[in-house]
């Protein structure tokens, strides 16, 4: 379980907090989507999770333990991290990029090879064809697949996704979204997804936290935000999909 208690963050020289005090809980095996436009505070909260940023107030707990009391390296080992830009090391091959965390953790070479093959196959990059390539020999979509494979290769209990699907073509986006859902379902993983795409949040998340100008507007299951928005901002944001859902229900297409 991950718990944010009265967490806030401000940056020097800004007139409003990047994140006003908020409290949230994510249970094991759940996916929380942090939904909002640019500047809403969602990426700030994600970075606070694994202490790429520290809070101004409040604290974060992993399974009841304050993250400030955890060695930073240990905390980050618990979190796979997928960013919008793949961030692959250009001088390493695909298989070496994917297996880097396992190597740093002291895994045996044979174990690393087997695990790398598994996760590359999961993202539909045949290891015999792609494993020895370098990042510059891959398309942008293929690099994104490698980035996801790298994030999950060491089997972290939590995965942090910072708008990883937004810049991808539709086919690659769908493939990676399905790979994420399959991985999460089969291994009961916890995930935090930063997105500005409402429909992506509805498709992938168990709970959605709507952020606006650094403030938490509402958090809850998608059905709750659709049927009972707590603020005008949430009502406007969810109004269109709610109308579309009602239209589909009237046509007998949706339950």
Protein backbone atom coordinates (compact mmCIF):
# COMPACT_ATOMS: atom_id res chain seq x y z
CA UNK A 1 0.00 0.00 0.00
CA UNK A 2 1.15 3.54 -0.78
CA UNK A 3 -0.18 6.41 1.31
CA UNK A 4 0.30 10.14 0.78
CA UNK A 5 -0.50 12.08 3.95
CA UNK A 6 -0.87 15.89 3.73
CA UNK A 7 1.76 15.98 0.98
CA UNK A 8 2.63 19.35 -0.58
CA UNK A 9 5.36 20.86 -2.75
CA UNK A 10 6.31 24.36 -3.91
CA UNK A 11 9.06 25.48 -6.25
CA UNK A 12 11.13 28.64 -5.66
CA UNK A 13 9.96 31.72 -7.53
CA UNK A 14 6.42 30.49 -8.17
CA UNK A 15 3.26 32.20 -6.95
CA UNK A 16 1.27 29.06 -6.14
CA UNK A 17 2.22 25.62 -4.87
CA UNK A 18 2.95 22.94 -7.44
CA UNK A 19 1.02 20.65 -5.13
CA UNK A 20 -1.33 21.80 -2.38
CA UNK A 21 -1.65 19.48 0.64
CA UNK A 22 -3.34 16.23 -0.35
CA UNK A 23 -3.99 12.80 1.12
CA UNK A 24 -4.37 9.67 -1.02
CA UNK A 25 -4.13 5.91 -0.55
CA UNK A 26 -3.33 3.26 -3.17
CA UNK A 27 -3.92 -0.36 -2.23
CA UNK A 28 -1.76 -3.24 -3.40
CA UNK A 29 -2.65 -4.35 -6.92
CA UNK A 30 -4.48 -1.14 -7.84
CA UNK A 31 -3.75 1.31 -10.62
CA UNK A 32 -4.19 4.99 -9.77
CA UNK A 33 -4.34 7.46 -12.65
CA UNK A 34 -3.20 10.99 -11.85
CA UNK A 35 -5.28 12.92 -14.35
CA UNK A 36 -4.82 16.57 -15.21
CA UNK A 37 -3.53 19.11 -17.68
CA UNK A 38 0.01 20.46 -17.80
CA UNK A 39 0.92 22.18 -14.52
CA UNK A 40 -1.69 20.33 -12.48
CA UNK A 41 0.88 18.73 -10.15
CA UNK A 42 0.59 15.14 -11.34
CA UNK A 43 4.25 14.66 -12.33
CA UNK A 44 5.34 16.38 -9.12
CA UNK A 45 3.38 13.85 -7.08
CA UNK A 46 4.84 10.97 -9.09
CA UNK A 47 8.39 12.21 -8.45
CA UNK A 48 7.64 12.53 -4.74
CA UNK A 49 6.68 8.84 -4.71
CA UNK A 50 10.25 7.61 -5.23
CA UNK A 51 11.94 10.71 -3.81
CA UNK A 52 13.11 12.28 -7.00
CA UNK A 53 11.57 15.20 -5.11
CA UNK A 54 11.05 15.56 -1.37
CA UNK A 55 7.88 16.98 0.14
CA UNK A 56 7.58 20.38 1.81
CA UNK A 57 4.96 19.01 4.19
CA UNK A 58 3.55 15.59 4.93
CA UNK A 59 4.98 12.19 4.13
CA UNK A 60 4.68 9.12 1.92
CA UNK A 61 4.44 5.56 3.22
CA UNK A 62 5.23 2.28 1.47
CA UNK A 63 3.57 -0.60 3.33
CA UNK A 64 3.49 1.48 6.52
CA UNK A 65 7.10 2.68 6.29
CA UNK A 66 7.91 6.36 5.81
CA UNK A 67 9.92 6.73 2.60
CA UNK A 68 12.21 9.25 4.32
CA UNK A 69 13.33 6.40 6.59
CA UNK A 70 14.17 4.16 3.63
CA UNK A 71 17.50 4.25 1.78
CA UNK A 72 16.78 6.04 -1.49
CA UNK A 73 18.33 3.28 -3.60
CA UNK A 74 16.19 0.65 -1.88
CA UNK A 75 13.05 2.75 -2.41
CA UNK A 76 13.78 3.25 -6.10
CA UNK A 77 14.48 -0.45 -6.53
CA UNK A 78 10.86 -1.03 -5.50
CA UNK A 79 9.64 1.18 -8.35
CA UNK A 80 9.89 0.56 -12.06
CA UNK A 81 9.79 3.92 -13.85
CA UNK A 82 8.57 4.48 -17.41
CA UNK A 83 8.89 8.00 -18.79
CA UNK A 84 7.54 9.65 -21.92
CA UNK A 85 11.06 9.75 -23.33
CA UNK A 86 12.56 6.24 -23.20
CA UNK A 87 15.94 7.39 -21.85
CA UNK A 88 17.81 4.32 -23.10
CA UNK A 89 21.59 4.30 -22.77
CA UNK A 90 22.83 4.73 -26.36
CA UNK A 91 26.09 2.80 -25.91
CA UNK A 92 24.32 -0.34 -24.63
CA UNK A 93 22.43 -2.93 -26.64
CA UNK A 94 18.72 -3.51 -26.14
CA UNK A 95 19.33 -6.58 -23.99
CA UNK A 96 21.93 -4.76 -21.89
CA UNK A 97 19.58 -1.80 -21.36
CA UNK A 98 16.78 -4.12 -20.26
CA UNK A 99 19.00 -6.19 -17.99
CA UNK A 100 20.95 -3.33 -16.42
CA UNK A 101 19.05 -3.22 -13.11
CA UNK A 102 19.33 -7.00 -12.76
CA UNK A 103 23.07 -6.79 -13.37
CA UNK A 104 23.45 -4.00 -10.79
CA UNK A 105 21.49 -6.15 -8.32
CA UNK A 106 23.98 -9.00 -8.79
CA UNK A 107 21.82 -11.46 -10.73
CA UNK A 108 23.55 -14.34 -12.49
CA UNK A 109 24.21 -13.83 -16.23
CA UNK A 110 22.00 -16.79 -17.14
CA UNK A 111 19.13 -15.42 -15.07
CA UNK A 112 19.53 -12.02 -16.69
CA UNK A 113 19.46 -13.48 -20.21
CA UNK A 114 16.32 -15.51 -19.49
CA UNK A 115 14.48 -12.60 -17.87
CA UNK A 116 15.44 -10.21 -20.68
CA UNK A 117 14.11 -12.65 -23.25
CA UNK A 118 10.83 -12.95 -21.32
CA UNK A 119 10.13 -9.23 -21.09
CA UNK A 120 11.20 -8.47 -24.67
CA UNK A 121 8.81 -11.16 -25.88
CA UNK A 122 6.10 -9.61 -23.71
CA UNK A 123 6.39 -6.32 -25.63
CA UNK A 124 6.59 -8.17 -28.96
CA UNK A 125 10.26 -7.53 -29.67
CA UNK A 126 11.71 -10.97 -30.53
CA UNK A 127 14.97 -11.10 -28.55
CA UNK A 128 16.91 -12.91 -31.27
CA UNK A 129 16.06 -10.12 -33.69
CA UNK A 130 16.27 -7.05 -31.44
CA UNK A 131 18.45 -7.98 -28.47
CA UNK A 132 21.79 -7.01 -30.02
CA UNK A 133 20.58 -3.77 -31.58
CA UNK A 134 21.40 -0.38 -30.12
CA UNK A 135 18.73 2.25 -29.40
CA UNK A 136 19.63 4.25 -32.50
CA UNK A 137 18.67 1.23 -34.62
CA UNK A 138 15.12 1.29 -33.23
CA UNK A 139 12.07 3.35 -34.07
CA UNK A 140 10.56 5.59 -31.41
CA UNK A 141 7.82 3.06 -30.74
CA UNK A 142 10.33 0.23 -30.38
CA UNK A 143 12.37 2.32 -27.94
CA UNK A 144 9.21 2.84 -25.87
CA UNK A 145 8.68 -0.93 -25.75
CA UNK A 146 12.26 -1.44 -24.57
CA UNK A 147 11.77 1.23 -21.90
CA UNK A 148 8.71 -0.59 -20.54
CA UNK A 149 10.52 -3.94 -20.62
CA UNK A 150 13.43 -2.41 -18.71
CA UNK A 151 11.11 -1.00 -16.05
CA UNK A 152 9.52 -4.36 -15.25
CA UNK A 153 12.50 -6.67 -15.79
CA UNK A 154 13.56 -6.67 -12.13
CA UNK A 155 9.96 -7.43 -11.05
CA UNK A 156 9.29 -4.31 -8.93
CA UNK A 157 6.14 -4.28 -6.78
CA UNK A 158 5.27 -0.77 -8.03
CA UNK A 159 5.49 0.79 -11.47
CA UNK A 160 5.43 4.55 -12.09
CA UNK A 161 4.32 5.64 -15.55
CA UNK A 162 4.84 9.28 -16.52
CA UNK A 163 2.74 9.75 -19.68
CA UNK A 164 4.56 6.85 -21.39
CA UNK A 165 1.95 6.29 -24.10
CA UNK A 166 1.12 9.85 -25.13
CA UNK A 167 3.61 10.34 -27.97
CA UNK A 168 3.19 6.88 -29.53
CA UNK A 169 1.37 5.86 -32.67
CA UNK A 170 -1.99 4.21 -32.09
CA UNK A 171 -0.79 0.64 -32.73
CA UNK A 172 2.19 0.88 -30.37
CA UNK A 173 0.10 2.67 -27.74
CA UNK A 174 -2.49 -0.11 -27.76
CA UNK A 175 0.20 -2.81 -27.65
CA UNK A 176 1.92 -1.28 -24.63
CA UNK A 177 -1.33 -0.58 -22.82
CA UNK A 178 -2.31 -4.23 -23.24
CA UNK A 179 1.15 -5.39 -22.12
CA UNK A 180 0.81 -3.21 -19.03
CA UNK A 181 -2.65 -4.57 -18.20
CA UNK A 182 -1.51 -8.18 -18.70
CA UNK A 183 1.60 -7.70 -16.55
CA UNK A 184 -0.36 -5.99 -13.80
CA UNK A 185 -3.15 -8.57 -13.80
CA UNK A 186 -0.86 -11.61 -13.79
CA UNK A 187 1.47 -10.30 -11.09
CA UNK A 188 -0.88 -8.19 -8.91
CA UNK A 189 1.28 -5.08 -9.25
CA UNK A 190 0.57 -1.56 -8.03
CA UNK A 191 0.80 1.22 -10.60
CA UNK A 192 0.59 5.00 -10.72
CA UNK A 193 -0.13 6.43 -14.16
CA UNK A 194 0.31 10.11 -15.01
CA UNK A 195 -1.88 11.09 -17.95
CA UNK A 196 -3.75 14.01 -19.47
CA UNK A 197 -5.91 11.59 -21.48
CA UNK A 198 -9.25 10.97 -19.79
CA UNK A 199 -10.09 7.95 -21.92
CA UNK A 200 -6.72 6.35 -21.14
CA UNK A 201 -7.39 6.85 -17.43
CA UNK A 202 -10.83 5.28 -17.76
CA UNK A 203 -9.41 2.30 -19.67
CA UNK A 204 -6.42 1.54 -17.45
CA UNK A 205 -7.11 2.72 -13.90
CA UNK A 206 -9.01 1.32 -10.93
CA UNK A 207 -9.07 4.78 -9.34
CA UNK A 208 -8.58 8.26 -10.74
CA UNK A 209 -7.27 11.32 -8.90
CA UNK A 210 -8.12 14.54 -10.74
CA UNK A 211 -5.61 17.34 -10.20
CA UNK A 212 -6.07 20.96 -11.27
CA UNK A 213 -3.64 23.82 -10.64
CA UNK A 214 -1.90 21.79 -7.94
CA UNK A 215 -5.05 20.84 -6.06
CA UNK A 216 -6.77 17.49 -5.73
CA UNK A 217 -10.29 17.99 -7.08
CA UNK A 218 -11.60 14.47 -6.50
CA UNK A 219 -10.36 10.88 -6.21
CA UNK A 220 -12.31 7.67 -6.58
CA UNK A 221 -13.34 4.86 -8.93
CA UNK A 222 -14.09 5.98 -12.49
CA UNK A 223 -17.79 5.16 -12.06
CA UNK A 224 -17.99 7.51 -9.07
CA UNK A 225 -16.37 10.42 -10.90
CA UNK A 226 -18.63 9.85 -13.89
CA UNK A 227 -21.85 9.63 -11.87
CA UNK A 228 -21.12 11.93 -8.93
CA UNK A 229 -18.52 14.61 -9.73
CA UNK A 230 -17.56 16.60 -6.64
CA UNK A 231 -16.55 19.87 -8.32
CA UNK A 232 -17.45 21.87 -11.39
CA UNK A 233 -14.04 21.09 -12.90
CA UNK A 234 -14.59 17.33 -12.57
CA UNK A 235 -18.15 17.68 -13.87
CA UNK A 236 -16.92 19.47 -16.99
CA UNK A 237 -14.05 17.02 -17.48
CA UNK A 238 -16.21 13.90 -17.19
CA UNK A 239 -19.35 15.29 -18.80
CA UNK A 240 -18.58 14.19 -22.35
CA UNK A 241 -17.68 10.54 -21.60
CA UNK A 242 -20.67 10.27 -19.28
CA UNK A 243 -22.96 11.41 -22.10
CA UNK A 244 -21.30 9.00 -24.51
CA UNK A 245 -21.73 6.13 -22.05
CA UNK A 246 -25.43 6.92 -21.61
CA UNK A 247 -25.88 6.99 -25.39
CA UNK A 248 -24.18 3.60 -25.72
CA UNK A 249 -26.34 2.18 -22.94
CA UNK A 250 -29.48 3.47 -24.65
CA UNK A 251 -28.37 1.74 -27.85
CA UNK A 252 -27.69 -1.48 -25.95
CA UNK A 253 -23.94 -1.36 -26.72
CA UNK A 254 -22.71 -0.87 -23.14
CA UNK A 255 -23.91 -2.36 -19.86
